[in-house]
Amino acid sequence: MNKTSSAVQLQLDISALDIGETYRDRILAYKDRRISDQGVITIKAQNHRTQTRNRDEALARLQKLLKSALHVDKTRRATRPSYGAVKRRLKKKAERSEKKALRGKIRDFD
């Protein structure tokens, strides 16, 4: 049994950070259970035997959390298929339809 207290609890008050207002708002708006309603990030690390490794892991987790909270996805621009792509698709579709129509019963046209 592990007798030493090697767990680390990292707490960071977002309002005390010296960052821009937009970044602070973006972090506070990020949905994560480690961010409290008061704006405090709490990370607990206790996977390793030594406190220094747990501290390093907690800092790495904090970095990852902040990076994902500040990430902004690119805006999507609507695109259309080219004229040639539409023509090729419709041609293939017609060929496929004709091939399937030939599989049916042979009708006598009298």
C-alpha atoms as a PDB file:
ATOM      1  CA  MET A   1       0.000   0.000   0.000  1.00  0.00           C
ATOM      2  CA  ASN A   2       1.205   3.509  -0.838  1.00  0.00           C
ATOM      3  CA  LYS A   3       1.988   5.192   2.497  1.00  0.00           C
ATOM      4  CA  THR A   4       3.317   8.516   1.181  1.00  0.00           C
ATOM      5  CA  SER A   5       1.104  11.417   0.201  1.00  0.00           C
ATOM      6  CA  SER A   6       2.240  12.007  -3.362  1.00  0.00           C
ATOM      7  CA  ALA A   7      -1.031  13.290  -4.821  1.00  0.00           C
ATOM      8  CA  VAL A   8      -1.060  16.808  -6.237  1.00  0.00           C
ATOM      9  CA  GLN A   9      -4.051  19.143  -6.515  1.00  0.00           C
ATOM     10  CA  LEU A  10      -3.525  22.077  -8.850  1.00  0.00           C
ATOM     11  CA  GLN A  11      -5.900  25.046  -8.595  1.00  0.00           C
ATOM     12  CA  LEU A  12      -5.885  28.028 -10.934  1.00  0.00           C
ATOM     13  CA  ASP A  13      -8.124  31.060 -10.566  1.00  0.00           C
ATOM     14  CA  ILE A  14      -9.003  32.209 -14.075  1.00  0.00           C
ATOM     15  CA  SER A  15      -9.923  35.732 -12.964  1.00  0.00           C
ATOM     16  CA  ALA A  16      -6.392  36.205 -11.548  1.00  0.00           C
ATOM     17  CA  LEU A  17      -4.745  35.397 -14.883  1.00  0.00           C
ATOM     18  CA  ASP A  18      -3.163  38.259 -16.805  1.00  0.00           C
ATOM     19  CA  ILE A  19      -4.774  37.459 -20.158  1.00  0.00           C
ATOM     20  CA  GLY A  20      -7.198  39.259 -22.406  1.00  0.00           C
ATOM     21  CA  GLU A  21     -10.899  39.459 -21.626  1.00  0.00           C
ATOM     22  CA  THR A  22     -11.826  37.418 -24.717  1.00  0.00           C
ATOM     23  CA  TYR A  23      -9.527  34.554 -23.691  1.00  0.00           C
ATOM     24  CA  ARG A  24     -10.851  34.629 -20.123  1.00  0.00           C
ATOM     25  CA  ASP A  25     -14.455  34.509 -21.358  1.00  0.00           C
ATOM     26  CA  ARG A  26     -13.634  31.663 -23.730  1.00  0.00           C
ATOM     27  CA  ILE A  27     -12.083  29.601 -20.914  1.00  0.00           C
ATOM     28  CA  LEU A  28     -15.018  30.279 -18.592  1.00  0.00           C
ATOM     29  CA  ALA A  29     -17.511  29.309 -21.328  1.00  0.00           C
ATOM     30  CA  TYR A  30     -15.709  26.007 -21.988  1.00  0.00           C
ATOM     31  CA  LYS A  31     -17.744  23.054 -20.720  1.00  0.00           C
ATOM     32  CA  ASP A  32     -15.533  20.971 -18.455  1.00  0.00           C
ATOM     33  CA  ARG A  33     -16.242  19.587 -14.999  1.00  0.00           C
ATOM     34  CA  ARG A  34     -12.822  20.728 -13.766  1.00  0.00           C
ATOM     35  CA  ILE A  35     -13.836  24.387 -14.184  1.00  0.00           C
ATOM     36  CA  SER A  36     -16.050  25.518 -11.298  1.00  0.00           C
ATOM     37  CA  ASP A  37     -18.808  28.129 -11.424  1.00  0.00           C
ATOM     38  CA  GLN A  38     -16.508  30.510  -9.537  1.00  0.00           C
ATOM     39  CA  GLY A  39     -13.926  30.283 -12.340  1.00  0.00           C
ATOM     40  CA  VAL A  40     -11.382  28.036 -10.640  1.00  0.00           C
ATOM     41  CA  ILE A  41      -9.721  25.176 -12.501  1.00  0.00           C
ATOM     42  CA  THR A  42      -8.993  22.196 -10.214  1.00  0.00           C
ATOM     43  CA  ILE A  43      -6.857  19.309 -11.427  1.00  0.00           C
ATOM     44  CA  LYS A  44      -5.927  16.361  -9.215  1.00  0.00           C
ATOM     45  CA  ALA A  45      -3.074  14.062 -10.216  1.00  0.00           C
ATOM     46  CA  GLN A  46      -2.217  10.929  -8.253  1.00  0.00           C
ATOM     47  CA  ASN A  47      -1.225   8.331 -10.829  1.00  0.00           C
ATOM     48  CA  HIS A  48       2.500   8.307 -10.106  1.00  0.00           C
ATOM     49  CA  ARG A  49       4.517   7.390  -7.020  1.00  0.00           C
ATOM     50  CA  THR A  50       6.428  10.656  -6.785  1.00  0.00           C
ATOM     51  CA  GLN A  51       4.998  14.075  -6.195  1.00  0.00           C
ATOM     52  CA  THR A  52       7.176  15.673  -8.879  1.00  0.00           C
ATOM     53  CA  ARG A  53       5.827  13.362 -11.582  1.00  0.00           C
ATOM     54  CA  ASN A  54       2.279  14.039 -10.395  1.00  0.00           C
ATOM     55  CA  ARG A  55       2.990  17.786 -10.500  1.00  0.00           C
ATOM     56  CA  ASP A  56       4.324  17.498 -14.051  1.00  0.00           C
ATOM     57  CA  GLU A  57       1.260  15.511 -15.076  1.00  0.00           C
ATOM     58  CA  ALA A  58      -1.084  18.084 -13.519  1.00  0.00           C
ATOM     59  CA  LEU A  59       0.668  20.906 -15.381  1.00  0.00           C
ATOM     60  CA  ALA A  60       0.485  18.939 -18.637  1.00  0.00           C
ATOM     61  CA  ARG A  61      -3.251  18.370 -18.097  1.00  0.00           C
ATOM     62  CA  LEU A  62      -3.720  22.082 -17.413  1.00  0.00           C
ATOM     63  CA  GLN A  63      -1.888  22.944 -20.632  1.00  0.00           C
ATOM     64  CA  LYS A  64      -4.063  20.533 -22.585  1.00  0.00           C
ATOM     65  CA  LEU A  65      -7.256  21.924 -21.014  1.00  0.00           C
ATOM     66  CA  LEU A  66      -6.315  25.537 -21.777  1.00  0.00           C
ATOM     67  CA  LYS A  67      -5.262  24.666 -25.326  1.00  0.00           C
ATOM     68  CA  SER A  68      -8.570  22.937 -26.043  1.00  0.00           C
ATOM     69  CA  ALA A  69     -10.566  25.742 -24.388  1.00  0.00           C
ATOM     70  CA  LEU A  70      -8.860  28.402 -26.500  1.00  0.00           C
ATOM     71  CA  HIS A  71      -9.047  26.465 -29.773  1.00  0.00           C
ATOM     72  CA  VAL A  72     -11.349  28.018 -32.382  1.00  0.00           C
ATOM     73  CA  ASP A  73     -12.562  25.925 -35.300  1.00  0.00           C
ATOM     74  CA  LYS A  74     -12.257  27.305 -38.803  1.00  0.00           C
ATOM     75  CA  THR A  75     -15.463  28.655 -40.244  1.00  0.00           C
ATOM     76  CA  ARG A  76     -16.897  26.484 -42.973  1.00  0.00           C
ATOM     77  CA  ARG A  77     -17.275  27.986 -46.416  1.00  0.00           C
ATOM     78  CA  ALA A  78     -20.079  26.543 -48.499  1.00  0.00           C
ATOM     79  CA  THR A  79     -18.867  24.965 -51.739  1.00  0.00           C
ATOM     80  CA  ARG A  80     -20.612  23.561 -54.788  1.00  0.00           C
ATOM     81  CA  PRO A  81     -19.587  20.680 -57.025  1.00  0.00           C
ATOM     82  CA  SER A  82     -18.206  21.730 -60.400  1.00  0.00           C
ATOM     83  CA  TYR A  83     -20.286  21.531 -63.568  1.00  0.00           C
ATOM     84  CA  GLY A  84     -18.182  18.632 -64.839  1.00  0.00           C
ATOM     85  CA  ALA A  85     -18.544  16.705 -61.564  1.00  0.00           C
ATOM     86  CA  VAL A  86     -22.342  17.028 -61.733  1.00  0.00           C
ATOM     87  CA  LYS A  87     -22.369  15.844 -65.376  1.00  0.00           C
ATOM     88  CA  ARG A  88     -20.143  12.843 -64.583  1.00  0.00           C
ATOM     89  CA  ARG A  89     -22.335  11.869 -61.626  1.00  0.00           C
ATOM     90  CA  LEU A  90     -25.533  12.046 -63.679  1.00  0.00           C
ATOM     91  CA  LYS A  91     -23.932  10.081 -66.539  1.00  0.00           C
ATOM     92  CA  LYS A  92     -22.821   7.298 -64.160  1.00  0.00           C
ATOM     93  CA  LYS A  93     -26.275   7.307 -62.612  1.00  0.00           C
ATOM     94  CA  ALA A  94     -27.942   6.897 -66.017  1.00  0.00           C
ATOM     95  CA  GLU A  95     -25.550   4.078 -66.978  1.00  0.00           C
ATOM     96  CA  ARG A  96     -26.262   2.278 -63.710  1.00  0.00           C
ATOM     97  CA  SER A  97     -30.013   2.708 -64.213  1.00  0.00           C
ATOM     98  CA  GLU A  98     -29.802   1.291 -67.731  1.00  0.00           C
ATOM     99  CA  LYS A  99     -27.751  -1.698 -66.535  1.00  0.00           C
ATOM    100  CA  LYS A 100     -30.336  -2.478 -63.860  1.00  0.00           C
ATOM    101  CA  ALA A 101     -33.239  -2.042 -66.299  1.00  0.00           C
ATOM    102  CA  LEU A 102     -31.672  -4.697 -68.570  1.00  0.00           C
ATOM    103  CA  ARG A 103     -31.824  -7.198 -65.710  1.00  0.00           C
ATOM    104  CA  GLY A 104     -35.635  -7.187 -65.732  1.00  0.00           C
ATOM    105  CA  LYS A 105     -38.068  -9.435 -67.571  1.00  0.00           C
ATOM    106  CA  ILE A 106     -38.037  -9.383 -71.347  1.00  0.00           C
ATOM    107  CA  ARG A 107     -41.303  -7.972 -72.635  1.00  0.00           C
ATOM    108  CA  ASP A 108     -42.763  -8.767 -76.039  1.00  0.00           C
ATOM    109  CA  PHE A 109     -43.694  -5.597 -77.980  1.00  0.00           C
ATOM    110  CA  ASP A 110     -46.449  -6.713 -80.415  1.00  0.00           C
END
